[in-house]
Amino acid sequence: MRIHISQDHHLQLILTKFYNMTKKRSNYIYKFAGKIINRWKRISDKNKPYFYQLDIDNENIDKIFVFQNKLQRTEIWQDIEQSNYLGKKYGFSCKNYMGNYGLIDWQELNSYENK
């Protein structure tokens, strides 16, 4: 028995599936280690940092984004602004927003040795 589905209904099913996949993916916290190798500042209209892009030395992920309102601790934003991350390796906790990783927390890894 075949059931005919209208194009509108078919499109709605696809969009619902996509929305559920995206919603589920953004609920997970992705954890990985890396060292920040570069920082890019994006400026808002009010000449304040809107967000930062951090380039990292992880073999699977090359950049993460930092938005001040998404961070669990305000000290992280201050550390990034003051470049207090230099020469340190971190365990990053991120959420995936539409394919991009957004930082929510980090922890310095003390056992890192420069290679």
PDB file of N, CA and C in Angstrom:
ATOM      1  N   MET A   1       0.844  -1.175   0.000  1.00  0.00           N
ATOM      2  CA  MET A   1       0.000   0.000   0.000  1.00  0.00           C
ATOM      3  C   MET A   1       0.894   1.245   0.000  1.00  0.00           C
ATOM      4  N   ARG A   2       0.652   2.132  -0.913  1.00  0.00           N
ATOM      5  CA  ARG A   2       1.408   3.374  -1.042  1.00  0.00           C
ATOM      6  C   ARG A   2       0.603   4.537  -0.518  1.00  0.00           C
ATOM      7  N   ILE A   3       1.284   5.422   0.212  1.00  0.00           N
ATOM      8  CA  ILE A   3       0.626   6.606   0.729  1.00  0.00           C
ATOM      9  C   ILE A   3       1.220   7.814   0.033  1.00  0.00           C
ATOM     10  N   HIS A   4       0.364   8.668  -0.483  1.00  0.00           N
ATOM     11  CA  HIS A   4       0.827   9.870  -1.165  1.00  0.00           C
ATOM     12  C   HIS A   4       1.022  10.984  -0.137  1.00  0.00           C
ATOM     13  N   ILE A   5       2.198  11.614  -0.178  1.00  0.00           N
ATOM     14  CA  ILE A   5       2.507  12.735   0.712  1.00  0.00           C
ATOM     15  C   ILE A   5       2.688  13.968  -0.153  1.00  0.00           C
ATOM     16  N   SER A   6       1.987  15.022   0.203  1.00  0.00           N
ATOM     17  CA  SER A   6       2.095  16.260  -0.572  1.00  0.00           C
ATOM     18  C   SER A   6       3.498  16.842  -0.418  1.00  0.00           C
ATOM     19  N   GLN A   7       3.884  17.710  -1.366  1.00  0.00           N
ATOM     20  CA  GLN A   7       5.208  18.326  -1.311  1.00  0.00           C
ATOM     21  C   GLN A   7       5.376  19.169  -0.054  1.00  0.00           C
ATOM     22  N   ASP A   8       4.330  19.888   0.323  1.00  0.00           N
ATOM     23  CA  ASP A   8       4.415  20.714   1.534  1.00  0.00           C
ATOM     24  C   ASP A   8       4.631  19.848   2.770  1.00  0.00           C
ATOM     25  N   HIS A   9       3.922  18.748   2.843  1.00  0.00           N
ATOM     26  CA  HIS A   9       4.060  17.854   3.991  1.00  0.00           C
ATOM     27  C   HIS A   9       5.454  17.210   3.991  1.00  0.00           C
ATOM     28  N   HIS A  10       5.940  16.827   2.817  1.00  0.00           N
ATOM     29  CA  HIS A  10       7.271  16.229   2.702  1.00  0.00           C
ATOM     30  C   HIS A  10       8.339  17.227   3.151  1.00  0.00           C
ATOM     31  N   LEU A  11       8.224  18.488   2.727  1.00  0.00           N
ATOM     32  CA  LEU A  11       9.164  19.521   3.127  1.00  0.00           C
ATOM     33  C   LEU A  11       9.107  19.734   4.640  1.00  0.00           C
ATOM     34  N   GLN A  12       7.911  19.725   5.184  1.00  0.00           N
ATOM     35  CA  GLN A  12       7.759  19.895   6.630  1.00  0.00           C
ATOM     36  C   GLN A  12       8.437  18.749   7.379  1.00  0.00           C
ATOM     37  N   LEU A  13       8.332  17.531   6.875  1.00  0.00           N
ATOM     38  CA  LEU A  13       8.991  16.390   7.510  1.00  0.00           C
ATOM     39  C   LEU A  13      10.509  16.551   7.482  1.00  0.00           C
ATOM     40  N   ILE A  14      11.037  17.008   6.356  1.00  0.00           N
ATOM     41  CA  ILE A  14      12.486  17.214   6.235  1.00  0.00           C
ATOM     42  C   ILE A  14      12.946  18.303   7.200  1.00  0.00           C
ATOM     43  N   LEU A  15      12.224  19.423   7.245  1.00  0.00           N
ATOM     44  CA  LEU A  15      12.603  20.517   8.138  1.00  0.00           C
ATOM     45  C   LEU A  15      12.510  20.106   9.606  1.00  0.00           C
ATOM     46  N   THR A  16      11.511  19.324   9.953  1.00  0.00           N
ATOM     47  CA  THR A  16      11.370  18.841  11.324  1.00  0.00           C
ATOM     48  C   THR A  16      12.539  17.937  11.681  1.00  0.00           C
ATOM     49  N   LYS A  17      12.916  17.061  10.770  1.00  0.00           N
ATOM     50  CA  LYS A  17      14.044  16.168  11.023  1.00  0.00           C
ATOM     51  C   LYS A  17      15.327  16.983  11.189  1.00  0.00           C
ATOM     52  N   PHE A  18      15.549  17.978  10.303  1.00  0.00           N
ATOM     53  CA  PHE A  18      16.735  18.820  10.403  1.00  0.00           C
ATOM     54  C   PHE A  18      16.747  19.586  11.717  1.00  0.00           C
ATOM     55  N   TYR A  19      15.600  20.151  12.105  1.00  0.00           N
ATOM     56  CA  TYR A  19      15.522  20.913  13.346  1.00  0.00           C
ATOM     57  C   TYR A  19      15.835  20.015  14.536  1.00  0.00           C
ATOM     58  N   ASN A  20      15.303  18.822  14.561  1.00  0.00           N
ATOM     59  CA  ASN A  20      15.559  17.901  15.669  1.00  0.00           C
ATOM     60  C   ASN A  20      17.026  17.492  15.724  1.00  0.00           C
ATOM     61  N   MET A  21      17.649  17.256  14.563  1.00  0.00           N
ATOM     62  CA  MET A  21      19.073  16.910  14.545  1.00  0.00           C
ATOM     63  C   MET A  21      19.903  18.068  15.082  1.00  0.00           C
ATOM     64  N   THR A  22      19.610  19.280  14.622  1.00  0.00           N
ATOM     65  CA  THR A  22      20.364  20.448  15.054  1.00  0.00           C
ATOM     66  C   THR A  22      20.150  20.690  16.538  1.00  0.00           C
ATOM     67  N   LYS A  23      18.914  20.556  16.982  1.00  0.00           N
ATOM     68  CA  LYS A  23      18.605  20.781  18.385  1.00  0.00           C
ATOM     69  C   LYS A  23      19.338  19.760  19.251  1.00  0.00           C
ATOM     70  N   LYS A  24      19.335  18.526  18.861  1.00  0.00           N
ATOM     71  CA  LYS A  24      20.020  17.501  19.637  1.00  0.00           C
ATOM     72  C   LYS A  24      21.523  17.758  19.668  1.00  0.00           C
ATOM     73  N   ARG A  25      22.098  18.112  18.530  1.00  0.00           N
ATOM     74  CA  ARG A  25      23.536  18.345  18.444  1.00  0.00           C
ATOM     75  C   ARG A  25      23.953  19.500  19.345  1.00  0.00           C
ATOM     76  N   SER A  26      23.137  20.535  19.438  1.00  0.00           N
ATOM     77  CA  SER A  26      23.497  21.689  20.259  1.00  0.00           C
ATOM     78  C   SER A  26      23.307  21.419  21.750  1.00  0.00           C
ATOM     79  N   ASN A  27      22.656  20.325  22.108  1.00  0.00           N
ATOM     80  CA  ASN A  27      22.493  19.973  23.520  1.00  0.00           C
ATOM     81  C   ASN A  27      23.728  19.286  24.083  1.00  0.00           C
ATOM     82  N   TYR A  28      24.552  18.712  23.244  1.00  0.00           N
ATOM     83  CA  TYR A  28      25.743  18.004  23.701  1.00  0.00           C
ATOM     84  C   TYR A  28      26.861  18.977  24.041  1.00  0.00           C
ATOM     85  N   ILE A  29      27.706  18.577  24.971  1.00  0.00           N
ATOM     86  CA  ILE A  29      28.916  19.336  25.270  1.00  0.00           C
ATOM     87  C   ILE A  29      30.087  18.534  24.726  1.00  0.00           C
ATOM     88  N   TYR A  30      30.823  19.143  23.821  1.00  0.00           N
ATOM     89  CA  TYR A  30      31.973  18.508  23.192  1.00  0.00           C
ATOM     90  C   TYR A  30      33.219  18.915  23.962  1.00  0.00           C
ATOM     91  N   LYS A  31      34.042  17.949  24.325  1.00  0.00           N
ATOM     92  CA  LYS A  31      35.255  18.222  25.093  1.00  0.00           C
ATOM     93  C   LYS A  31      36.469  17.761  24.297  1.00  0.00           C
ATOM     94  N   PHE A  32      37.466  18.635  24.225  1.00  0.00           N
ATOM     95  CA  PHE A  32      38.701  18.308  23.524  1.00  0.00           C
ATOM     96  C   PHE A  32      39.804  19.221  24.043  1.00  0.00           C
ATOM     97  N   ALA A  33      41.029  18.811  23.831  1.00  0.00           N
ATOM     98  CA  ALA A  33      42.188  19.572  24.313  1.00  0.00           C
ATOM     99  C   ALA A  33      42.847  20.303  23.153  1.00  0.00           C
ATOM    100  N   GLY A  34      43.506  21.381  23.476  1.00  0.00           N
ATOM    101  CA  GLY A  34      44.232  22.123  22.460  1.00  0.00           C
ATOM    102  C   GLY A  34      44.928  23.324  23.062  1.00  0.00           C
ATOM    103  N   LYS A  35      45.778  23.910  22.266  1.00  0.00           N
ATOM    104  CA  LYS A  35      46.521  25.103  22.651  1.00  0.00           C
ATOM    105  C   LYS A  35      46.113  26.221  21.698  1.00  0.00           C
ATOM    106  N   ILE A  36      45.821  27.383  22.222  1.00  0.00           N
ATOM    107  CA  ILE A  36      45.411  28.507  21.384  1.00  0.00           C
ATOM    108  C   ILE A  36      46.639  29.051  20.662  1.00  0.00           C
ATOM    109  N   ILE A  37      46.559  29.105  19.339  1.00  0.00           N
ATOM    110  CA  ILE A  37      47.697  29.584  18.558  1.00  0.00           C
ATOM    111  C   ILE A  37      47.458  30.968  17.951  1.00  0.00           C
ATOM    112  N   ASN A  38      46.191  31.406  17.942  1.00  0.00           N
ATOM    113  CA  ASN A  38      45.884  32.724  17.395  1.00  0.00           C
ATOM    114  C   ASN A  38      44.525  33.168  17.898  1.00  0.00           C
ATOM    115  N   ARG A  39      44.340  34.464  17.977  1.00  0.00           N
ATOM    116  CA  ARG A  39      43.069  35.027  18.427  1.00  0.00           C
ATOM    117  C   ARG A  39      42.657  36.122  17.456  1.00  0.00           C
ATOM    118  N   TRP A  40      41.410  36.069  17.025  1.00  0.00           N
ATOM    119  CA  TRP A  40      40.856  37.085  16.130  1.00  0.00           C
ATOM    120  C   TRP A  40      39.700  37.753  16.841  1.00  0.00           C
ATOM    121  N   LYS A  41      39.694  39.061  16.847  1.00  0.00           N
ATOM    122  CA  LYS A  41      38.637  39.819  17.511  1.00  0.00           C
ATOM    123  C   LYS A  41      37.662  40.348  16.468  1.00  0.00           C
ATOM    124  N   ARG A  42      36.389  40.150  16.693  1.00  0.00           N
ATOM    125  CA  ARG A  42      35.353  40.734  15.843  1.00  0.00           C
ATOM    126  C   ARG A  42      34.726  41.886  16.623  1.00  0.00           C
ATOM    127  N   ILE A  43      34.685  43.051  16.019  1.00  0.00           N
ATOM    128  CA  ILE A  43      34.237  44.268  16.698  1.00  0.00           C
ATOM    129  C   ILE A  43      32.784  44.564  16.326  1.00  0.00           C
ATOM    130  N   SER A  44      32.005  44.993  17.321  1.00  0.00           N
ATOM    131  CA  SER A  44      30.619  45.382  17.076  1.00  0.00           C
ATOM    132  C   SER A  44      30.562  46.836  16.616  1.00  0.00           C
ATOM    133  N   ASP A  45      29.363  47.310  16.371  1.00  0.00           N
ATOM    134  CA  ASP A  45      29.177  48.703  15.940  1.00  0.00           C
ATOM    135  C   ASP A  45      29.615  49.694  17.014  1.00  0.00           C
ATOM    136  N   LYS A  46      29.597  49.286  18.255  1.00  0.00           N
ATOM    137  CA  LYS A  46      29.961  50.170  19.362  1.00  0.00           C
ATOM    138  C   LYS A  46      31.445  50.073  19.692  1.00  0.00           C
ATOM    139  N   ASN A  47      32.229  49.513  18.785  1.00  0.00           N
ATOM    140  CA  ASN A  47      33.681  49.382  18.917  1.00  0.00           C
ATOM    141  C   ASN A  47      34.093  48.544  20.135  1.00  0.00           C
ATOM    142  N   LYS A  48      33.257  47.594  20.504  1.00  0.00           N
ATOM    143  CA  LYS A  48      33.568  46.650  21.581  1.00  0.00           C
ATOM    144  C   LYS A  48      33.699  45.268  20.973  1.00  0.00           C
ATOM    145  N   PRO A  49      34.497  44.397  21.606  1.00  0.00           N
ATOM    146  CA  PRO A  49      34.597  43.027  21.080  1.00  0.00           C
ATOM    147  C   PRO A  49      33.233  42.345  21.097  1.00  0.00           C
ATOM    148  N   TYR A  50      32.803  41.898  19.926  1.00  0.00           N
ATOM    149  CA  TYR A  50      31.529  41.189  19.817  1.00  0.00           C
ATOM    150  C   TYR A  50      31.735  39.703  20.103  1.00  0.00           C
ATOM    151  N   PHE A  51      32.777  39.141  19.477  1.00  0.00           N
ATOM    152  CA  PHE A  51      33.172  37.770  19.773  1.00  0.00           C
ATOM    153  C   PHE A  51      34.609  37.567  19.344  1.00  0.00           C
ATOM    154  N   TYR A  52      35.187  36.476  19.827  1.00  0.00           N
ATOM    155  CA  TYR A  52      36.544  36.101  19.448  1.00  0.00           C
ATOM    156  C   TYR A  52      36.512  34.780  18.696  1.00  0.00           C
ATOM    157  N   GLN A  53      37.398  34.653  17.745  1.00  0.00           N
ATOM    158  CA  GLN A  53      37.654  33.370  17.096  1.00  0.00           C
ATOM    159  C   GLN A  53      39.032  32.936  17.550  1.00  0.00           C
ATOM    160  N   LEU A  54      39.109  31.737  18.124  1.00  0.00           N
ATOM    161  CA  LEU A  54      40.382  31.208  18.588  1.00  0.00           C
ATOM    162  C   LEU A  54      40.812  30.083  17.661  1.00  0.00           C
ATOM    163  N   ASP A  55      41.990  30.208  17.078  1.00  0.00           N
ATOM    164  CA  ASP A  55      42.563  29.126  16.286  1.00  0.00           C
ATOM    165  C   ASP A  55      43.321  28.227  17.252  1.00  0.00           C
ATOM    166  N   ILE A  56      43.069  26.932  17.179  1.00  0.00           N
ATOM    167  CA  ILE A  56      43.694  26.004  18.125  1.00  0.00           C
ATOM    168  C   ILE A  56      44.444  24.907  17.387  1.00  0.00           C
ATOM    169  N   ASP A  57      45.327  24.232  18.106  1.00  0.00           N
ATOM    170  CA  ASP A  57      46.173  23.198  17.502  1.00  0.00           C
ATOM    171  C   ASP A  57      45.628  21.791  17.784  1.00  0.00           C
ATOM    172  N   ASN A  58      44.360  21.589  17.528  1.00  0.00           N
ATOM    173  CA  ASN A  58      43.741  20.284  17.684  1.00  0.00           C
ATOM    174  C   ASN A  58      43.646  19.646  16.304  1.00  0.00           C
ATOM    175  N   GLU A  59      43.908  18.348  16.193  1.00  0.00           N
ATOM    176  CA  GLU A  59      43.925  17.718  14.869  1.00  0.00           C
ATOM    177  C   GLU A  59      42.552  17.609  14.217  1.00  0.00           C
ATOM    178  N   ASN A  60      41.469  17.680  14.985  1.00  0.00           N
ATOM    179  CA  ASN A  60      40.121  17.555  14.420  1.00  0.00           C
ATOM    180  C   ASN A  60      39.379  18.880  14.298  1.00  0.00           C
ATOM    181  N   ILE A  61      39.692  19.819  15.158  1.00  0.00           N
ATOM    182  CA  ILE A  61      38.986  21.097  15.200  1.00  0.00           C
ATOM    183  C   ILE A  61      40.025  22.206  15.146  1.00  0.00           C
ATOM    184  N   ASP A  62      39.878  23.127  14.199  1.00  0.00           N
ATOM    185  CA  ASP A  62      40.901  24.161  14.048  1.00  0.00           C
ATOM    186  C   ASP A  62      40.512  25.512  14.628  1.00  0.00           C
ATOM    187  N   LYS A  63      39.213  25.720  14.930  1.00  0.00           N
ATOM    188  CA  LYS A  63      38.821  27.000  15.507  1.00  0.00           C
ATOM    189  C   LYS A  63      37.579  26.842  16.368  1.00  0.00           C
ATOM    190  N   ILE A  64      37.490  27.718  17.366  1.00  0.00           N
ATOM    191  CA  ILE A  64      36.303  27.790  18.200  1.00  0.00           C
ATOM    192  C   ILE A  64      35.936  29.260  18.359  1.00  0.00           C
ATOM    193  N   PHE A  65      34.668  29.510  18.600  1.00  0.00           N
ATOM    194  CA  PHE A  65      34.178  30.870  18.757  1.00  0.00           C
ATOM    195  C   PHE A  65      33.825  31.124  20.214  1.00  0.00           C
ATOM    196  N   VAL A  66      34.045  32.362  20.658  1.00  0.00           N
ATOM    197  CA  VAL A  66      33.784  32.729  22.048  1.00  0.00           C
ATOM    198  C   VAL A  66      32.855  33.935  22.065  1.00  0.00           C
ATOM    199  N   PHE A  67      31.671  33.737  22.635  1.00  0.00           N
ATOM    200  CA  PHE A  67      30.713  34.818  22.849  1.00  0.00           C
ATOM    201  C   PHE A  67      30.594  35.022  24.355  1.00  0.00           C
ATOM    202  N   GLN A  68      30.681  36.256  24.793  1.00  0.00           N
ATOM    203  CA  GLN A  68      30.701  36.548  26.219  1.00  0.00           C
ATOM    204  C   GLN A  68      29.453  36.023  26.926  1.00  0.00           C
ATOM    205  N   ASN A  69      28.292  36.121  26.296  1.00  0.00           N
ATOM    206  CA  ASN A  69      27.056  35.701  26.958  1.00  0.00           C
ATOM    207  C   ASN A  69      26.864  34.181  26.986  1.00  0.00           C
ATOM    208  N   LYS A  70      27.709  33.423  26.309  1.00  0.00           N
ATOM    209  CA  LYS A  70      27.603  31.965  26.301  1.00  0.00           C
ATOM    210  C   LYS A  70      28.538  31.298  27.311  1.00  0.00           C
ATOM    211  N   LEU A  71      29.468  32.068  27.878  1.00  0.00           N
ATOM    212  CA  LEU A  71      30.454  31.506  28.795  1.00  0.00           C
ATOM    213  C   LEU A  71      29.853  31.246  30.173  1.00  0.00           C
ATOM    214  N   GLN A  72      30.307  30.171  30.798  1.00  0.00           N
ATOM    215  CA  GLN A  72      29.843  29.848  32.142  1.00  0.00           C
ATOM    216  C   GLN A  72      30.572  30.671  33.200  1.00  0.00           C
ATOM    217  N   ARG A  73      31.779  31.158  32.872  1.00  0.00           N
ATOM    218  CA  ARG A  73      32.572  31.955  33.827  1.00  0.00           C
ATOM    219  C   ARG A  73      33.076  33.216  33.140  1.00  0.00           C
ATOM    220  N   THR A  74      32.892  34.365  33.779  1.00  0.00           N
ATOM    221  CA  THR A  74      33.308  35.642  33.183  1.00  0.00           C
ATOM    222  C   THR A  74      34.824  35.777  33.101  1.00  0.00           C
ATOM    223  N   GLU A  75      35.559  35.043  33.938  1.00  0.00           N
ATOM    224  CA  GLU A  75      37.024  35.141  33.924  1.00  0.00           C
ATOM    225  C   GLU A  75      37.606  34.711  32.574  1.00  0.00           C
ATOM    226  N   ILE A  76      36.921  33.820  31.887  1.00  0.00           N
ATOM    227  CA  ILE A  76      37.425  33.335  30.591  1.00  0.00           C
ATOM    228  C   ILE A  76      37.503  34.495  29.604  1.00  0.00           C
ATOM    229  N   TRP A  77      36.463  35.308  29.540  1.00  0.00           N
ATOM    230  CA  TRP A  77      36.452  36.460  28.628  1.00  0.00           C
ATOM    231  C   TRP A  77      37.610  37.394  28.963  1.00  0.00           C
ATOM    232  N   GLN A  78      37.827  37.649  30.248  1.00  0.00           N
ATOM    233  CA  GLN A  78      38.917  38.520  30.671  1.00  0.00           C
ATOM    234  C   GLN A  78      40.279  37.919  30.292  1.00  0.00           C
ATOM    235  N   ASP A  79      40.434  36.613  30.479  1.00  0.00           N
ATOM    236  CA  ASP A  79      41.694  35.957  30.107  1.00  0.00           C
ATOM    237  C   ASP A  79      41.966  36.081  28.611  1.00  0.00           C
ATOM    238  N   ILE A  80      40.930  35.961  27.809  1.00  0.00           N
ATOM    239  CA  ILE A  80      41.101  36.072  26.356  1.00  0.00           C
ATOM    240  C   ILE A  80      41.450  37.513  25.983  1.00  0.00           C
ATOM    241  N   GLU A  81      40.757  38.479  26.572  1.00  0.00           N
ATOM    242  CA  GLU A  81      41.047  39.882  26.270  1.00  0.00           C
ATOM    243  C   GLU A  81      42.473  40.269  26.652  1.00  0.00           C
ATOM    244  N   GLN A  82      42.971  39.718  27.755  1.00  0.00           N
ATOM    245  CA  GLN A  82      44.293  40.077  28.259  1.00  0.00           C
ATOM    246  C   GLN A  82      45.388  39.122  27.784  1.00  0.00           C
ATOM    247  N   SER A  83      45.047  38.199  26.901  1.00  0.00           N
ATOM    248  CA  SER A  83      45.995  37.210  26.351  1.00  0.00           C
ATOM    249  C   SER A  83      46.657  36.367  27.446  1.00  0.00           C
ATOM    250  N   ASN A  84      45.925  36.041  28.492  1.00  0.00           N
ATOM    251  CA  ASN A  84      46.458  35.228  29.590  1.00  0.00           C
ATOM    252  C   ASN A  84      46.522  33.739  29.255  1.00  0.00           C
ATOM    253  N   TYR A  85      46.181  33.367  28.064  1.00  0.00           N
ATOM    254  CA  TYR A  85      46.153  31.973  27.644  1.00  0.00           C
ATOM    255  C   TYR A  85      47.464  31.538  26.984  1.00  0.00           C
ATOM    256  N   LEU A  86      48.360  32.458  26.732  1.00  0.00           N
ATOM    257  CA  LEU A  86      49.573  32.157  25.976  1.00  0.00           C
ATOM    258  C   LEU A  86      50.430  31.094  26.667  1.00  0.00           C
ATOM    259  N   GLY A  87      50.890  30.117  25.896  1.00  0.00           N
ATOM    260  CA  GLY A  87      51.768  29.067  26.391  1.00  0.00           C
ATOM    261  C   GLY A  87      51.084  28.013  27.240  1.00  0.00           C
ATOM    262  N   LYS A  88      49.769  27.987  27.239  1.00  0.00           N
ATOM    263  CA  LYS A  88      49.024  27.045  28.071  1.00  0.00           C
ATOM    264  C   LYS A  88      48.166  26.143  27.188  1.00  0.00           C
ATOM    265  N   LYS A  89      47.943  24.936  27.657  1.00  0.00           N
ATOM    266  CA  LYS A  89      47.045  24.015  26.968  1.00  0.00           C
ATOM    267  C   LYS A  89      45.773  23.886  27.794  1.00  0.00           C
ATOM    268  N   TYR A  90      44.640  23.816  27.100  1.00  0.00           N
ATOM    269  CA  TYR A  90      43.348  23.797  27.766  1.00  0.00           C
ATOM    270  C   TYR A  90      42.519  22.585  27.353  1.00  0.00           C
ATOM    271  N   GLY A  91      41.656  22.200  28.257  1.00  0.00           N
ATOM    272  CA  GLY A  91      40.572  21.288  27.940  1.00  0.00           C
ATOM    273  C   GLY A  91      39.361  22.162  27.674  1.00  0.00           C
ATOM    274  N   PHE A  92      38.901  22.206  26.425  1.00  0.00           N
ATOM    275  CA  PHE A  92      37.789  23.062  26.030  1.00  0.00           C
ATOM    276  C   PHE A  92      36.475  22.299  26.156  1.00  0.00           C
ATOM    277  N   SER A  93      35.455  22.981  26.639  1.00  0.00           N
ATOM    278  CA  SER A  93      34.088  22.472  26.638  1.00  0.00           C
ATOM    279  C   SER A  93      33.291  23.381  25.717  1.00  0.00           C
ATOM    280  N   CYS A  94      32.720  22.798  24.662  1.00  0.00           N
ATOM    281  CA  CYS A  94      32.035  23.596  23.643  1.00  0.00           C
ATOM    282  C   CYS A  94      30.686  23.000  23.319  1.00  0.00           C
ATOM    283  N   LYS A  95      29.830  23.841  22.763  1.00  0.00           N
ATOM    284  CA  LYS A  95      28.575  23.388  22.175  1.00  0.00           C
ATOM    285  C   LYS A  95      28.672  23.630  20.676  1.00  0.00           C
ATOM    286  N   ASN A  96      27.976  22.806  19.923  1.00  0.00           N
ATOM    287  CA  ASN A  96      27.999  22.916  18.476  1.00  0.00           C
ATOM    288  C   ASN A  96      26.779  23.715  18.031  1.00  0.00           C
ATOM    289  N   TYR A  97      27.028  24.874  17.435  1.00  0.00           N
ATOM    290  CA  TYR A  97      25.973  25.724  16.913  1.00  0.00           C
ATOM    291  C   TYR A  97      26.065  25.737  15.397  1.00  0.00           C
ATOM    292  N   MET A  98      25.221  24.938  14.753  1.00  0.00           N
ATOM    293  CA  MET A  98      25.151  24.883  13.296  1.00  0.00           C
ATOM    294  C   MET A  98      26.518  24.611  12.665  1.00  0.00           C
ATOM    295  N   GLY A  99      27.248  23.673  13.231  1.00  0.00           N
ATOM    296  CA  GLY A  99      28.516  23.256  12.669  1.00  0.00           C
ATOM    297  C   GLY A  99      29.738  23.983  13.196  1.00  0.00           C
ATOM    298  N   ASN A 100      29.537  25.005  14.009  1.00  0.00           N
ATOM    299  CA  ASN A 100      30.648  25.744  14.609  1.00  0.00           C
ATOM    300  C   ASN A 100      30.678  25.475  16.106  1.00  0.00           C
ATOM    301  N   TYR A 101      31.869  25.397  16.660  1.00  0.00           N
ATOM    302  CA  TYR A 101      32.022  25.118  18.083  1.00  0.00           C
ATOM    303  C   TYR A 101      32.105  26.426  18.860  1.00  0.00           C
ATOM    304  N   GLY A 102      31.232  26.567  19.838  1.00  0.00           N
ATOM    305  CA  GLY A 102      31.196  27.745  20.699  1.00  0.00           C
ATOM    306  C   GLY A 102      31.654  27.382  22.099  1.00  0.00           C
ATOM    307  N   LEU A 103      32.648  28.089  22.589  1.00  0.00           N
ATOM    308  CA  LEU A 103      33.215  27.816  23.902  1.00  0.00           C
ATOM    309  C   LEU A 103      32.208  28.155  24.999  1.00  0.00           C
ATOM    310  N   ILE A 104      32.071  27.237  25.964  1.00  0.00           N
ATOM    311  CA  ILE A 104      31.268  27.540  27.147  1.00  0.00           C
ATOM    312  C   ILE A 104      32.123  27.503  28.417  1.00  0.00           C
ATOM    313  N   ASP A 105      33.230  26.751  28.383  1.00  0.00           N
ATOM    314  CA  ASP A 105      34.117  26.670  29.543  1.00  0.00           C
ATOM    315  C   ASP A 105      35.458  26.092  29.101  1.00  0.00           C
ATOM    316  N   TRP A 106      36.473  26.308  29.922  1.00  0.00           N
ATOM    317  CA  TRP A 106      37.769  25.682  29.674  1.00  0.00           C
ATOM    318  C   TRP A 106      38.440  25.393  30.995  1.00  0.00           C
ATOM    319  N   GLN A 107      39.392  24.510  30.942  1.00  0.00           N
ATOM    320  CA  GLN A 107      40.176  24.163  32.125  1.00  0.00           C
ATOM    321  C   GLN A 107      41.620  24.025  31.680  1.00  0.00           C
ATOM    322  N   GLU A 108      42.506  24.701  32.400  1.00  0.00           N
ATOM    323  CA  GLU A 108      43.924  24.614  32.051  1.00  0.00           C
ATOM    324  C   GLU A 108      44.440  23.222  32.376  1.00  0.00           C
ATOM    325  N   LEU A 109      45.197  22.666  31.443  1.00  0.00           N
ATOM    326  CA  LEU A 109      45.791  21.336  31.630  1.00  0.00           C
ATOM    327  C   LEU A 109      47.236  21.528  32.065  1.00  0.00           C
ATOM    328  N   ASN A 110      47.523  21.252  33.312  1.00  0.00           N
ATOM    329  CA  ASN A 110      48.854  21.495  33.885  1.00  0.00           C
ATOM    330  C   ASN A 110      49.905  20.501  33.417  1.00  0.00           C
ATOM    331  N   SER A 111      49.481  19.329  32.978  1.00  0.00           N
ATOM    332  CA  SER A 111      50.453  18.289  32.628  1.00  0.00           C
ATOM    333  C   SER A 111      50.948  18.403  31.192  1.00  0.00           C
ATOM    334  N   TYR A 112      50.657  19.519  30.536  1.00  0.00           N
ATOM    335  CA  TYR A 112      51.062  19.664  29.141  1.00  0.00           C
ATOM    336  C   TYR A 112      52.554  19.967  29.045  1.00  0.00           C
ATOM    337  N   GLU A 113      53.209  19.269  28.152  1.00  0.00           N
ATOM    338  CA  GLU A 113      54.630  19.525  27.893  1.00  0.00           C
ATOM    339  C   GLU A 113      54.772  20.002  26.465  1.00  0.00           C
ATOM    340  N   ASN A 114      55.511  21.055  26.252  1.00  0.00           N
ATOM    341  CA  ASN A 114      55.744  21.544  24.886  1.00  0.00           C
ATOM    342  C   ASN A 114      56.528  20.522  24.098  1.00  0.00           C
ATOM    343  N   LYS A 115      56.072  20.244  22.920  1.00  0.00           N
ATOM    344  CA  LYS A 115      56.741  19.266  22.060  1.00  0.00           C
ATOM    345  C   LYS A 115      57.508  19.959  20.979  1.00  0.00           C
TER     346      LYS A 115
END
